[in-house]
Amino acid sequence: MYIHQVPGRLRISHGTFRCDPVKAEALASRLRDLEGIRLVALNPKAGSITIHFDPKVQDSKRLLSLMAENGCMPATRRSPALTAQFAPLFGKALVGALAQRTAQTLVTAIL
């Protein structure tokens, strides 16, 4: 599952939108009926749905919750314990990659 959001726009890519077009279209129709929804674009081939909404009336958490209630995507939550476990590893990997890149750049500049 992939979620991208900016204020007033939410895009979700999930297999349900590709595998179950009837359920996906029913959800899109229900979303269009909500107050504050400006546009709902369903793309079954890409397996995604994009929702443009008025952030003063709707919020992305509510919309995601509605999608989970309708069975169009799992109600997933990140475990704080898992995030805490992997965050230091990610940081070390990032620093290592930057150090390697910097070293390569210096060697190239010297030669």
C-alpha atoms as a PDB file:
ATOM      1  CA  MET A   1       0.000   0.000   0.000  1.00  0.00           C
ATOM      2  CA  TYR A   2       1.221   3.465  -0.865  1.00  0.00           C
ATOM      3  CA  ILE A   3      -0.262   6.661   0.547  1.00  0.00           C
ATOM      4  CA  HIS A   4       0.652  10.176  -0.533  1.00  0.00           C
ATOM      5  CA  GLN A   5      -1.020  13.181   0.970  1.00  0.00           C
ATOM      6  CA  VAL A   6      -0.812  16.927   0.879  1.00  0.00           C
ATOM      7  CA  PRO A   7      -3.406  19.277   2.334  1.00  0.00           C
ATOM      8  CA  GLY A   8      -6.620  18.750   0.386  1.00  0.00           C
ATOM      9  CA  ARG A   9      -5.369  15.786  -1.659  1.00  0.00           C
ATOM     10  CA  LEU A  10      -4.997  12.114  -0.818  1.00  0.00           C
ATOM     11  CA  ARG A  11      -3.743   9.399  -3.184  1.00  0.00           C
ATOM     12  CA  ILE A  12      -3.803   5.739  -2.234  1.00  0.00           C
ATOM     13  CA  SER A  13      -2.454   2.870  -4.267  1.00  0.00           C
ATOM     14  CA  HIS A  14      -3.678  -0.531  -3.102  1.00  0.00           C
ATOM     15  CA  GLY A  15      -4.434  -3.867  -4.728  1.00  0.00           C
ATOM     16  CA  THR A  16      -8.134  -3.703  -3.831  1.00  0.00           C
ATOM     17  CA  PHE A  17      -8.668  -0.885  -6.314  1.00  0.00           C
ATOM     18  CA  ARG A  18      -7.305  -3.148  -9.059  1.00  0.00           C
ATOM     19  CA  CYS A  19      -8.641  -6.545  -7.957  1.00  0.00           C
ATOM     20  CA  ASP A  20     -12.165  -5.615  -6.895  1.00  0.00           C
ATOM     21  CA  PRO A  21     -13.448  -2.869  -9.225  1.00  0.00           C
ATOM     22  CA  VAL A  22     -17.044  -3.204  -8.001  1.00  0.00           C
ATOM     23  CA  LYS A  23     -16.039  -2.545  -4.389  1.00  0.00           C
ATOM     24  CA  ALA A  24     -13.691   0.244  -5.482  1.00  0.00           C
ATOM     25  CA  GLU A  25     -16.394   1.996  -7.531  1.00  0.00           C
ATOM     26  CA  ALA A  26     -18.874   1.678  -4.651  1.00  0.00           C
ATOM     27  CA  LEU A  27     -16.322   3.351  -2.367  1.00  0.00           C
ATOM     28  CA  ALA A  28     -15.637   6.106  -4.905  1.00  0.00           C
ATOM     29  CA  SER A  29     -19.364   6.773  -5.168  1.00  0.00           C
ATOM     30  CA  ARG A  30     -19.716   6.916  -1.384  1.00  0.00           C
ATOM     31  CA  LEU A  31     -16.767   9.306  -1.132  1.00  0.00           C
ATOM     32  CA  ARG A  32     -18.247  11.588  -3.805  1.00  0.00           C
ATOM     33  CA  ASP A  33     -21.394  11.930  -1.672  1.00  0.00           C
ATOM     34  CA  LEU A  34     -19.475  13.240   1.344  1.00  0.00           C
ATOM     35  CA  GLU A  35     -19.493  16.912   2.205  1.00  0.00           C
ATOM     36  CA  GLY A  36     -16.258  18.662   1.298  1.00  0.00           C
ATOM     37  CA  ILE A  37     -15.209  16.203  -1.411  1.00  0.00           C
ATOM     38  CA  ARG A  38     -14.267  18.042  -4.593  1.00  0.00           C
ATOM     39  CA  LEU A  39     -13.124  15.171  -6.832  1.00  0.00           C
ATOM     40  CA  VAL A  40     -12.659  11.409  -6.614  1.00  0.00           C
ATOM     41  CA  ALA A  41     -10.606   9.813  -9.393  1.00  0.00           C
ATOM     42  CA  LEU A  42     -10.475   6.015  -9.442  1.00  0.00           C
ATOM     43  CA  ASN A  43      -7.848   4.353 -11.632  1.00  0.00           C
ATOM     44  CA  PRO A  44      -8.421   0.570 -11.552  1.00  0.00           C
ATOM     45  CA  LYS A  45      -5.559  -0.161 -13.968  1.00  0.00           C
ATOM     46  CA  ALA A  46      -3.063   1.582 -11.689  1.00  0.00           C
ATOM     47  CA  GLY A  47      -4.853   0.346  -8.573  1.00  0.00           C
ATOM     48  CA  SER A  48      -5.211   3.818  -7.131  1.00  0.00           C
ATOM     49  CA  ILE A  49      -7.726   6.377  -5.989  1.00  0.00           C
ATOM     50  CA  THR A  50      -7.122  10.111  -5.677  1.00  0.00           C
ATOM     51  CA  ILE A  51      -9.358  12.284  -3.536  1.00  0.00           C
ATOM     52  CA  HIS A  52      -9.386  16.091  -3.616  1.00  0.00           C
ATOM     53  CA  PHE A  53     -11.163  17.552  -0.606  1.00  0.00           C
ATOM     54  CA  ASP A  54     -11.692  20.687   1.399  1.00  0.00           C
ATOM     55  CA  PRO A  55      -9.388  20.279   4.426  1.00  0.00           C
ATOM     56  CA  LYS A  56     -11.677  22.536   6.457  1.00  0.00           C
ATOM     57  CA  VAL A  57     -14.477  19.976   6.081  1.00  0.00           C
ATOM     58  CA  GLN A  58     -12.727  16.602   5.705  1.00  0.00           C
ATOM     59  CA  ASP A  59      -9.400  15.202   6.797  1.00  0.00           C
ATOM     60  CA  SER A  60      -7.267  12.381   5.452  1.00  0.00           C
ATOM     61  CA  LYS A  61      -7.530  10.295   8.645  1.00  0.00           C
ATOM     62  CA  ARG A  62     -11.305  10.250   8.370  1.00  0.00           C
ATOM     63  CA  LEU A  63     -11.151   9.306   4.683  1.00  0.00           C
ATOM     64  CA  LEU A  64      -8.646   6.505   5.332  1.00  0.00           C
ATOM     65  CA  SER A  65     -10.820   5.227   8.153  1.00  0.00           C
ATOM     66  CA  LEU A  66     -13.854   5.215   5.869  1.00  0.00           C
ATOM     67  CA  MET A  67     -11.933   3.201   3.265  1.00  0.00           C
ATOM     68  CA  ALA A  68     -10.876   0.668   5.895  1.00  0.00           C
ATOM     69  CA  GLU A  69     -14.481   0.387   7.151  1.00  0.00           C
ATOM     70  CA  ASN A  70     -15.610  -0.398   3.605  1.00  0.00           C
ATOM     71  CA  GLY A  71     -12.996  -3.135   3.203  1.00  0.00           C
ATOM     72  CA  CYS A  72     -11.081  -1.327   0.486  1.00  0.00           C
ATOM     73  CA  MET A  73      -7.834  -1.325   2.395  1.00  0.00           C
ATOM     74  CA  PRO A  74      -6.532  -2.731   5.661  1.00  0.00           C
ATOM     75  CA  ALA A  75      -6.556  -0.585   8.750  1.00  0.00           C
ATOM     76  CA  THR A  76      -2.795  -0.482   9.216  1.00  0.00           C
ATOM     77  CA  ARG A  77      -0.886   1.273  11.897  1.00  0.00           C
ATOM     78  CA  ARG A  78       2.825   1.486  12.347  1.00  0.00           C
ATOM     79  CA  SER A  79       4.075  -0.053  15.502  1.00  0.00           C
ATOM     80  CA  PRO A  80       6.065   2.501  17.522  1.00  0.00           C
ATOM     81  CA  ALA A  81       8.255  -0.380  18.733  1.00  0.00           C
ATOM     82  CA  LEU A  82       9.142  -1.362  15.155  1.00  0.00           C
ATOM     83  CA  THR A  83       9.797   2.241  14.178  1.00  0.00           C
ATOM     84  CA  ALA A  84      12.093   2.674  17.191  1.00  0.00           C
ATOM     85  CA  GLN A  85      13.867  -0.586  16.348  1.00  0.00           C
ATOM     86  CA  PHE A  86      14.607   0.246  12.707  1.00  0.00           C
ATOM     87  CA  ALA A  87      15.154   4.014  12.863  1.00  0.00           C
ATOM     88  CA  PRO A  88      18.762   3.757  14.132  1.00  0.00           C
ATOM     89  CA  LEU A  89      19.579   1.156  11.456  1.00  0.00           C
ATOM     90  CA  PHE A  90      18.208   3.421   8.749  1.00  0.00           C
ATOM     91  CA  GLY A  91      20.233   6.320  10.109  1.00  0.00           C
ATOM     92  CA  LYS A  92      23.447   4.281  10.076  1.00  0.00           C
ATOM     93  CA  ALA A  93      22.781   3.080   6.530  1.00  0.00           C
ATOM     94  CA  LEU A  94      22.118   6.623   5.361  1.00  0.00           C
ATOM     95  CA  VAL A  95      25.288   7.992   6.974  1.00  0.00           C
ATOM     96  CA  GLY A  96      27.304   5.103   5.520  1.00  0.00           C
ATOM     97  CA  ALA A  97      25.962   5.732   2.016  1.00  0.00           C
ATOM     98  CA  LEU A  98      26.708   9.455   2.255  1.00  0.00           C
ATOM     99  CA  ALA A  99      30.226   8.788   3.526  1.00  0.00           C
ATOM    100  CA  GLN A 100      30.888   6.363   0.669  1.00  0.00           C
ATOM    101  CA  ARG A 101      29.580   8.856  -1.890  1.00  0.00           C
ATOM    102  CA  THR A 102      31.718  11.634  -0.408  1.00  0.00           C
ATOM    103  CA  ALA A 103      34.800   9.422  -0.487  1.00  0.00           C
ATOM    104  CA  GLN A 104      34.162   8.524  -4.136  1.00  0.00           C
ATOM    105  CA  THR A 105      33.776  12.194  -5.028  1.00  0.00           C
ATOM    106  CA  LEU A 106      37.058  13.096  -3.285  1.00  0.00           C
ATOM    107  CA  VAL A 107      38.974  10.296  -5.008  1.00  0.00           C
ATOM    108  CA  THR A 108      37.572  11.353  -8.371  1.00  0.00           C
ATOM    109  CA  ALA A 109      38.556  14.967  -7.725  1.00  0.00           C
ATOM    110  CA  ILE A 110      42.103  13.991  -6.746  1.00  0.00           C
ATOM    111  CA  LEU A 111      42.611  11.821  -9.823  1.00  0.00           C
END
